[in-house]
Amino acid sequence: MPSSHHPAVPADMPLYTPAFLVLCLSHALFAGSFNMMIPELPAYLTSLGGAEHKGLIISLFTITAGISRPFSGKLSDSIGRIPVMYIGVLACVICGVLYPVLAFVGGFLALRFFHGFSTGFKPTGTSAYAADIVPMHRRGEAMGVLGICFSVGGAAAPPLGSWLVQVWSINALFIASSLMAALSMAVMLNLKETLPEKQAFAWRFLRVTKDDIYDPRAMPVAIVMVLCYFGYGVILTLVPDLSDAVGVGNRGTFFTLFTLASVATRLFAGKLSDRHGREPVLKVSALLIAASMAAFARANTPAMLYLASVLFGLGNGVFAPAINAWAVDLGDPKRRGRAMATMYIALEIAIGTGAAGAGWFFANQMDRMPGVFYFSAVLSLGGFFYLMARKQKHEIHQP
C-alpha cells in the first residue's frame, strides 16, 4: 500500500472553496436520490406481495453498504477519492432504472441489496476528499456543513417522492431517483483528485485483509456509532407505518421535520466539537437520541410524531459532524479512507440490525412497536455511558 500522506492544508485556507461547494451540492443530490423513495417502499413491497419482508428494505441495503466499506476505503487510498465517489453514484443511477423492470418481490429485494453499494462508496470518498481540502481546525465544521447538505437533500426529496407517487406512479419516483443521482455525478466532473501518488486500478486492491477492514484507532467511534444509530434503522423501517397509524398523510413529513431540526444544529454542533472536543458533544447527542426514541414509543398523535421527529433531528444534527470528525482525528492520517470506512461499517451495522430487528419483532403488529423504540433508547443510553467510562478511564490514567 503506498503512502498517501497529505500535506497540511494551510490554516488560513477558506472553508468554502469552489471544490468544497461542489462536493456539498453533489452530496445533497446523492442523498436525495436514494432517500426520496424510502417512505414509499414499505407500501410498494406490500403491493408486490412481500409485506412480511419490510425489515429487509433497509437491512439488505445496509448489508452491501457495510460489506463494501473495506473495499471503498482501500480504493479511496489507492485509486483516488473521485473514482470511489463515481462508483457509488452509478449504483443509484442503475438501480433507479431497474426498479420498474424488476417489479416482483425477489427482483425488488435483489435491487435493494445492490443499491447498498451506493452508500458503501460515495460517502467514504466524499468524507476523505473533504478532509483533504479543509483546514484541520475547521474539520468538525466542514463535516457539519456536509451533513447539512446530505440532510437537506435527504429531507427535501422524500415528500417530492411521495408526491410523484400520488400524482403519477411509483415508477415516476424510481426514474426521478435515477436522474437525481446522475446529476450528482455531473456536478463533480471538474473536481480534481486530491490523493497523492494515485495509482491505476489493479485487482490486488480488491483483496482485503483484517488490516483493511477496520482501523483499530477508530474502534471507539464504531462502538458509539452502533449504540446510537441502531434507532435510525428502526425509524426507517417503522415510521412509515407509524405515520399511517397516527393519521399523517404524506409519509415524507417525518423526513422534512427531522432534517429541519438536524440542519438547525449541525453547523453549530460542528463548531462546538472543534472548540470543546468531540466526546462532550457526542454525550449530549446520545441523550437527545435516547429521548427521541422514547418519544416515538409514546407517539399516538401527529403532534407526538412530529415532536419525536424533531428530537431525533436535533440529536442526529449534534451527533453526525462530531462522530465524523472524531473518526478522522483518531484514524491514521496516512490511511484516512480506512478510518472513514471503519466508521461507515459501524453505521451500516447499526442501521441494518436496527431495521432487520424492527421488522422481525414488529411483524405488522402495532402493539409491538413501542418496545422496539424503547430498546433503541436503552442502546443510545449505553453509548452515553460508554463515553462517560472512556472519560473516567482517561482521567484515572492521566500522568
Protein backbone atom coordinates (compact mmCIF):
# COMPACT_ATOMS: atom_id res chain seq x y z
CA MET A 1 0.00 0.00 0.00
CA PRO A 2 1.54 3.33 -0.96
CA SER A 3 1.77 6.17 1.45
CA SER A 4 -1.00 8.67 0.99
CA HIS A 5 0.29 11.26 3.42
CA HIS A 6 -1.34 14.58 2.77
CA PRO A 7 0.41 17.91 3.10
CA ALA A 8 -1.31 20.02 5.72
CA VAL A 9 -3.91 22.43 4.41
CA PRO A 10 -2.88 25.99 5.36
CA ALA A 11 -4.69 27.18 8.48
CA ASP A 12 -5.83 30.35 6.72
CA MET A 13 -7.36 28.44 3.79
CA PRO A 14 -11.06 29.34 3.46
CA LEU A 15 -13.54 26.55 4.07
CA TYR A 16 -15.96 27.47 1.30
CA THR A 17 -13.74 26.92 -1.72
CA PRO A 18 -15.33 26.08 -5.11
CA ALA A 19 -14.28 22.43 -4.70
CA PHE A 20 -15.92 22.17 -1.27
CA LEU A 21 -19.14 23.80 -2.51
CA VAL A 22 -19.33 21.40 -5.46
CA LEU A 23 -18.76 18.49 -3.07
CA CYS A 24 -21.64 19.75 -0.91
CA LEU A 25 -24.02 20.04 -3.87
CA SER A 26 -23.15 16.56 -5.12
CA HIS A 27 -23.65 15.15 -1.62
CA ALA A 28 -27.11 16.74 -1.36
CA LEU A 29 -28.23 15.37 -4.73
CA PHE A 30 -26.86 11.93 -3.90
CA ALA A 31 -28.73 11.83 -0.59
CA GLY A 32 -31.93 12.89 -2.31
CA SER A 33 -31.62 10.21 -4.98
CA PHE A 34 -31.96 7.22 -2.66
CA ASN A 35 -33.81 8.82 0.28
CA MET A 36 -36.70 10.05 -1.88
CA MET A 37 -38.05 6.52 -2.26
CA ILE A 38 -37.72 5.26 1.34
CA PRO A 39 -41.15 6.38 2.67
CA GLU A 40 -42.94 4.68 -0.24
CA LEU A 41 -41.07 1.39 -0.30
CA PRO A 42 -42.94 -0.44 2.51
CA ALA A 43 -46.30 0.14 0.77
CA TYR A 44 -44.76 -0.76 -2.60
CA LEU A 45 -43.34 -4.02 -1.27
CA THR A 46 -46.74 -4.82 0.24
CA SER A 47 -48.36 -4.23 -3.17
CA LEU A 48 -45.94 -6.76 -4.67
CA GLY A 49 -47.00 -9.32 -2.06
CA GLY A 50 -43.99 -9.05 0.23
CA ALA A 51 -45.42 -7.32 3.33
CA GLU A 52 -43.60 -9.73 5.64
CA HIS A 53 -40.24 -8.61 4.24
CA LYS A 54 -40.45 -4.92 5.23
CA GLY A 55 -37.45 -5.23 7.54
CA LEU A 56 -35.31 -6.24 4.55
CA ILE A 57 -35.92 -2.96 2.69
CA ILE A 58 -33.29 -1.18 4.77
CA SER A 59 -31.25 -4.12 6.07
CA LEU A 60 -30.40 -5.53 2.62
CA PHE A 61 -29.32 -2.04 1.55
CA THR A 62 -27.05 -1.70 4.57
CA ILE A 63 -25.54 -5.19 4.26
CA THR A 64 -23.92 -4.35 0.93
CA ALA A 65 -23.04 -0.88 2.14
CA GLY A 66 -21.22 -2.42 5.08
CA ILE A 67 -19.55 -5.17 3.03
CA SER A 68 -18.27 -2.62 0.51
CA ARG A 69 -16.75 -0.23 3.10
CA PRO A 70 -13.37 -2.02 3.40
CA PHE A 71 -13.10 -2.01 -0.41
CA SER A 72 -14.15 1.62 -0.76
CA GLY A 73 -11.74 2.70 1.98
CA LYS A 74 -8.84 0.83 0.39
CA LEU A 75 -9.69 2.06 -3.11
CA SER A 76 -10.06 5.62 -1.82
CA ASP A 77 -6.48 5.41 -0.50
CA SER A 78 -5.12 3.86 -3.74
CA ILE A 79 -7.01 4.80 -6.94
CA GLY A 80 -8.39 8.05 -5.53
CA ARG A 81 -11.37 9.70 -3.87
CA ILE A 82 -13.19 10.68 -7.07
CA PRO A 83 -13.44 7.22 -8.70
CA VAL A 84 -14.85 5.87 -5.42
CA MET A 85 -17.49 8.60 -5.41
CA TYR A 86 -18.40 7.81 -9.04
CA ILE A 87 -18.91 4.11 -8.26
CA GLY A 88 -21.38 4.98 -5.50
CA VAL A 89 -23.39 7.34 -7.67
CA LEU A 90 -23.54 4.89 -10.60
CA ALA A 91 -25.14 2.28 -8.33
CA CYS A 92 -28.01 4.73 -7.70
CA VAL A 93 -28.41 5.53 -11.40
CA ILE A 94 -28.58 1.86 -12.39
CA CYS A 95 -30.98 0.84 -9.61
CA GLY A 96 -33.39 3.68 -10.31
CA VAL A 97 -33.73 2.45 -13.90
CA LEU A 98 -34.13 -1.21 -12.91
CA TYR A 99 -36.77 -0.92 -10.14
CA PRO A 100 -39.64 -0.59 -12.67
CA VAL A 101 -38.26 -3.55 -14.64
CA LEU A 102 -37.81 -5.99 -11.73
CA ALA A 103 -41.27 -5.37 -10.27
CA PHE A 104 -41.60 -8.56 -8.23
CA VAL A 105 -40.60 -9.40 -4.66
CA GLY A 106 -37.37 -11.27 -5.48
CA GLY A 107 -36.25 -8.68 -8.03
CA PHE A 108 -37.03 -5.79 -5.69
CA LEU A 109 -35.07 -7.33 -2.79
CA ALA A 110 -32.13 -8.09 -5.10
CA LEU A 111 -32.06 -4.43 -6.17
CA ARG A 112 -32.17 -3.25 -2.56
CA PHE A 113 -29.09 -5.42 -1.98
CA PHE A 114 -27.26 -3.97 -5.00
CA HIS A 115 -28.39 -0.41 -4.22
CA GLY A 116 -26.42 -0.51 -0.96
CA PHE A 117 -23.15 -0.19 -2.89
CA SER A 118 -24.09 3.47 -3.36
CA THR A 119 -23.69 4.42 0.30
CA GLY A 120 -20.81 1.98 0.64
CA PHE A 121 -18.76 4.10 -1.76
CA LYS A 122 -19.96 7.70 -2.19
CA PRO A 123 -19.84 8.92 1.45
CA THR A 124 -16.46 7.25 2.06
CA GLY A 125 -14.91 9.09 -0.88
CA THR A 126 -16.69 12.33 -0.02
CA SER A 127 -15.53 12.39 3.62
CA ALA A 128 -11.93 11.60 2.66
CA TYR A 129 -11.98 14.25 -0.09
CA ALA A 130 -13.35 16.85 2.32
CA ALA A 131 -10.72 16.02 4.93
CA ASP A 132 -8.04 16.55 2.24
CA ILE A 133 -9.15 20.07 1.30
CA VAL A 134 -10.22 21.76 4.57
CA PRO A 135 -8.03 23.19 7.38
CA MET A 136 -7.68 20.77 10.29
CA HIS A 137 -9.02 23.24 12.86
CA ARG A 138 -12.27 23.55 10.85
CA ARG A 139 -12.74 19.83 10.21
CA GLY A 140 -15.73 19.49 12.53
CA GLU A 141 -17.39 22.50 10.92
CA ALA A 142 -16.74 21.07 7.44
CA MET A 143 -18.28 17.72 8.37
CA GLY A 144 -21.23 19.64 9.79
CA VAL A 145 -21.74 21.53 6.53
CA LEU A 146 -21.51 18.31 4.51
CA GLY A 147 -24.01 16.76 6.88
CA ILE A 148 -26.37 19.68 6.40
CA CYS A 149 -26.22 19.22 2.64
CA PHE A 150 -26.80 15.47 2.95
CA SER A 151 -29.72 16.11 5.27
CA VAL A 152 -31.28 18.81 3.09
CA GLY A 153 -31.12 16.51 0.09
CA GLY A 154 -32.36 13.57 2.11
CA ALA A 155 -35.28 15.54 3.54
CA ALA A 156 -36.41 17.62 0.60
CA ALA A 157 -36.62 14.56 -1.64
CA PRO A 158 -38.98 12.17 0.29
CA PRO A 159 -42.02 14.50 0.18
CA LEU A 160 -41.28 15.03 -3.52
CA GLY A 161 -41.12 11.27 -3.97
CA SER A 162 -44.44 10.75 -2.21
CA TRP A 163 -45.98 13.50 -4.36
CA LEU A 164 -44.73 11.82 -7.54
CA VAL A 165 -46.37 8.56 -6.45
CA GLN A 166 -49.65 10.30 -5.65
CA VAL A 167 -49.76 12.30 -8.91
CA TRP A 168 -48.15 9.83 -11.34
CA SER A 169 -46.88 6.44 -10.19
CA ILE A 170 -44.20 4.61 -8.25
CA ASN A 171 -42.23 4.23 -11.49
CA ALA A 172 -42.05 8.02 -11.86
CA LEU A 173 -40.41 8.06 -8.42
CA PHE A 174 -37.82 5.49 -9.46
CA ILE A 175 -36.90 7.36 -12.65
CA ALA A 176 -36.64 10.66 -10.76
CA SER A 177 -34.28 8.95 -8.31
CA SER A 178 -32.04 7.82 -11.15
CA LEU A 179 -31.98 11.28 -12.74
CA MET A 180 -31.09 12.94 -9.44
CA ALA A 181 -28.18 10.53 -8.98
CA ALA A 182 -26.94 11.26 -12.50
CA LEU A 183 -26.99 14.98 -11.72
CA SER A 184 -24.98 14.30 -8.55
CA MET A 185 -22.22 12.83 -10.73
CA ALA A 186 -22.44 15.51 -13.39
CA VAL A 187 -21.65 18.34 -10.98
CA MET A 188 -18.44 16.56 -9.89
CA LEU A 189 -16.93 16.26 -13.36
CA ASN A 190 -14.50 19.17 -12.88
CA LEU A 191 -13.26 18.19 -9.41
CA LYS A 192 -9.53 17.47 -9.23
CA GLU A 193 -8.22 14.39 -7.44
CA THR A 194 -6.65 15.11 -4.04
CA LEU A 195 -4.88 11.79 -3.40
CA PRO A 196 -1.08 12.00 -3.73
CA GLU A 197 0.55 9.13 -5.59
CA LYS A 198 -2.72 7.99 -7.12
CA GLN A 199 -2.44 4.53 -8.70
CA ALA A 200 -4.19 2.89 -11.63
CA PHE A 201 -6.74 0.29 -10.62
CA ALA A 202 -5.32 -3.19 -10.00
CA TRP A 203 -7.21 -6.31 -8.90
CA ARG A 204 -4.96 -6.60 -5.85
CA PHE A 205 -6.75 -3.54 -4.42
CA LEU A 206 -9.84 -5.74 -4.05
CA ARG A 207 -8.00 -8.18 -1.79
CA VAL A 208 -8.81 -7.03 1.71
CA THR A 209 -7.15 -8.21 4.89
CA LYS A 210 -8.11 -7.76 8.51
CA ASP A 211 -5.92 -4.67 8.49
CA ASP A 212 -8.03 -3.18 5.68
CA ILE A 213 -11.40 -3.90 7.27
CA TYR A 214 -11.03 -1.51 10.15
CA ASP A 215 -8.69 0.98 11.75
CA PRO A 216 -8.12 -0.12 15.37
CA ARG A 217 -7.65 3.51 16.38
CA ALA A 218 -11.21 4.26 15.28
CA MET A 219 -12.90 1.45 17.26
CA PRO A 220 -14.31 3.83 19.94
CA VAL A 221 -16.05 5.65 17.07
CA ALA A 222 -17.51 2.37 15.82
CA ILE A 223 -18.83 1.39 19.26
CA VAL A 224 -20.60 4.71 19.80
CA MET A 225 -21.99 4.63 16.26
CA VAL A 226 -23.54 1.16 16.69
CA LEU A 227 -25.14 2.03 20.03
CA CYS A 228 -26.54 5.41 18.99
CA TYR A 229 -27.57 4.65 15.40
CA PHE A 230 -29.41 1.35 15.89
CA GLY A 231 -32.52 3.50 16.33
CA TYR A 232 -32.08 5.05 12.88
CA GLY A 233 -32.67 1.65 11.25
CA VAL A 234 -35.73 1.19 13.46
CA ILE A 235 -37.08 4.58 12.37
CA LEU A 236 -36.56 3.96 8.66
CA THR A 237 -38.49 0.68 8.94
CA LEU A 238 -41.31 1.61 11.32
CA VAL A 239 -42.05 5.32 10.88
CA PRO A 240 -43.92 4.91 7.56
CA ASP A 241 -46.36 2.54 9.33
CA LEU A 242 -46.43 4.78 12.41
CA SER A 243 -47.25 7.77 10.18
CA ASP A 244 -50.24 5.90 8.74
CA ALA A 245 -51.38 4.80 12.18
CA VAL A 246 -51.45 8.30 13.68
CA GLY A 247 -53.03 9.90 10.59
CA VAL A 248 -50.11 11.65 8.86
CA GLY A 249 -50.99 11.70 5.15
CA ASN A 250 -47.63 12.29 3.46
CA ARG A 251 -45.14 9.69 4.72
CA GLY A 252 -42.27 12.02 3.84
CA THR A 253 -43.29 14.54 6.53
CA PHE A 254 -41.08 12.85 9.12
CA PHE A 255 -38.01 13.36 6.93
CA THR A 256 -38.78 17.05 6.48
CA LEU A 257 -39.15 17.76 10.22
CA PHE A 258 -36.20 15.55 11.09
CA THR A 259 -34.00 17.40 8.62
CA LEU A 260 -35.04 20.90 9.56
CA ALA A 261 -34.11 20.12 13.17
CA SER A 262 -30.89 18.43 12.08
CA VAL A 263 -29.83 21.32 9.86
CA ALA A 264 -30.55 23.78 12.66
CA THR A 265 -27.93 22.11 14.85
CA ARG A 266 -25.29 20.58 12.55
CA LEU A 267 -23.16 23.62 11.78
CA PHE A 268 -23.37 24.89 15.35
CA ALA A 269 -22.55 21.44 16.74
CA GLY A 270 -19.62 21.01 14.35
CA LYS A 271 -18.07 24.23 15.60
CA LEU A 272 -18.71 23.18 19.21
CA SER A 273 -16.86 19.90 18.67
CA ASP A 274 -13.91 21.84 17.20
CA ARG A 275 -13.84 24.06 20.27
CA HIS A 276 -14.74 21.76 23.17
CA GLY A 277 -13.90 18.29 21.89
CA ARG A 278 -15.79 15.50 20.17
CA GLU A 279 -16.72 13.39 23.19
CA PRO A 280 -18.60 16.03 25.24
CA VAL A 281 -20.72 16.84 22.16
CA LEU A 282 -21.36 13.14 21.50
CA LYS A 283 -22.61 12.65 25.06
CA VAL A 284 -25.26 15.34 24.55
CA SER A 285 -26.31 13.78 21.26
CA ALA A 286 -26.65 10.30 22.79
CA LEU A 287 -29.07 11.67 25.38
CA LEU A 288 -31.10 13.50 22.72
CA ILE A 289 -31.35 10.38 20.57
CA ALA A 290 -32.48 8.33 23.58
CA ALA A 291 -35.16 10.91 24.36
CA SER A 292 -36.38 10.84 20.76
CA MET A 293 -36.69 7.03 20.80
CA ALA A 294 -38.83 7.24 23.94
CA ALA A 295 -40.98 9.89 22.24
CA PHE A 296 -41.51 7.64 19.19
CA ALA A 297 -42.54 4.83 21.54
CA ARG A 298 -45.27 7.03 23.02
CA ALA A 299 -46.39 8.72 19.78
CA ASN A 300 -50.13 8.24 19.21
CA THR A 301 -50.97 11.55 17.54
CA PRO A 302 -49.43 13.53 14.66
CA ALA A 303 -48.14 16.10 17.16
CA MET A 304 -46.29 13.44 19.17
CA LEU A 305 -44.78 12.00 15.99
CA TYR A 306 -43.65 15.48 14.96
CA LEU A 307 -42.08 16.06 18.40
CA ALA A 308 -40.21 12.75 18.21
CA SER A 309 -39.02 13.63 14.68
CA VAL A 310 -37.67 16.99 15.83
CA LEU A 311 -35.91 15.45 18.85
CA PHE A 312 -34.27 12.85 16.65
CA GLY A 313 -33.23 15.54 14.18
CA LEU A 314 -31.62 17.56 16.97
CA GLY A 315 -29.76 14.51 18.27
CA ASN A 316 -28.63 13.49 14.80
CA GLY A 317 -27.55 17.03 13.97
CA VAL A 318 -25.31 17.12 17.04
CA PHE A 319 -24.04 13.57 16.56
CA ALA A 320 -23.10 13.37 12.87
CA PRO A 321 -20.43 16.09 12.47
CA ALA A 322 -18.80 15.19 15.78
CA ILE A 323 -18.58 11.45 15.03
CA ASN A 324 -17.23 12.13 11.51
CA ALA A 325 -14.55 14.48 12.79
CA TRP A 326 -13.71 12.12 15.66
CA ALA A 327 -13.10 9.29 13.17
CA VAL A 328 -10.66 11.46 11.21
CA ASP A 329 -8.98 12.64 14.44
CA LEU A 330 -8.41 9.12 15.78
CA GLY A 331 -7.53 7.42 12.49
CA ASP A 332 -4.15 7.01 10.86
CA PRO A 333 -3.61 10.23 8.83
CA LYS A 334 -1.81 8.22 6.11
CA ARG A 335 -4.88 5.97 5.65
CA ARG A 336 -7.75 8.35 6.03
CA GLY A 337 -10.08 6.32 3.82
CA ARG A 338 -9.72 3.32 6.14
CA ALA A 339 -10.74 5.35 9.20
CA MET A 340 -13.82 6.65 7.41
CA ALA A 341 -14.65 3.13 6.21
CA THR A 342 -14.47 1.90 9.82
CA MET A 343 -17.00 4.49 10.91
CA TYR A 344 -19.33 3.76 7.99
CA ILE A 345 -19.15 -0.02 8.51
CA ALA A 346 -20.36 0.60 12.06
CA LEU A 347 -23.11 2.86 10.72
CA GLU A 348 -24.32 0.15 8.34
CA ILE A 349 -24.23 -2.49 11.09
CA ALA A 350 -26.29 -0.20 13.31
CA ILE A 351 -28.90 0.70 10.69
CA GLY A 352 -29.04 -2.80 9.20
CA THR A 353 -29.51 -4.62 12.51
CA GLY A 354 -31.97 -1.96 13.66
CA ALA A 355 -34.04 -2.32 10.51
CA ALA A 356 -33.97 -6.12 10.43
CA GLY A 357 -34.66 -6.43 14.15
CA ALA A 358 -37.51 -3.93 13.98
CA GLY A 359 -39.13 -5.66 11.02
CA TRP A 360 -38.82 -9.08 12.65
CA PHE A 361 -40.14 -8.07 16.08
CA PHE A 362 -42.82 -5.68 14.81
CA ALA A 363 -44.28 -8.22 12.35
CA ASN A 364 -47.04 -5.74 11.34
CA GLN A 365 -48.47 -5.73 14.90
CA MET A 366 -48.80 -2.15 16.14
CA ASP A 367 -48.82 -3.09 19.82
CA ARG A 368 -45.23 -4.33 19.45
CA MET A 369 -43.88 -1.06 18.04
CA PRO A 370 -43.22 0.80 21.34
CA GLY A 371 -40.97 -1.99 22.63
CA VAL A 372 -38.64 -1.63 19.65
CA PHE A 373 -38.26 2.11 20.23
CA TYR A 374 -37.69 1.69 23.98
CA PHE A 375 -34.95 -0.86 23.25
CA SER A 376 -33.32 1.67 20.91
CA ALA A 377 -33.44 4.29 23.67
CA VAL A 378 -31.61 1.93 26.04
CA LEU A 379 -28.87 1.31 23.46
CA SER A 380 -28.35 5.04 22.95
CA LEU A 381 -28.03 5.49 26.70
CA GLY A 382 -25.40 2.75 26.50
CA GLY A 383 -23.46 4.98 24.11
CA PHE A 384 -23.63 7.82 26.65
CA PHE A 385 -22.31 5.62 29.48
CA TYR A 386 -19.56 4.23 27.25
CA LEU A 387 -18.35 7.77 26.60
CA MET A 388 -18.55 8.54 30.31
CA ALA A 389 -16.46 5.45 31.09
CA ARG A 390 -13.86 6.48 28.50
CA LYS A 391 -13.50 9.87 30.13
CA GLN A 392 -13.17 8.39 33.60
CA LYS A 393 -10.62 5.86 32.39
CA HIS A 394 -8.63 8.63 30.72
CA GLU A 395 -8.63 10.69 33.91
CA ILE A 396 -7.51 7.70 36.01
CA HIS A 397 -4.51 7.03 33.75
CA GLN A 398 -3.60 10.67 33.28
CA PRO A 399 0.06 11.23 34.33
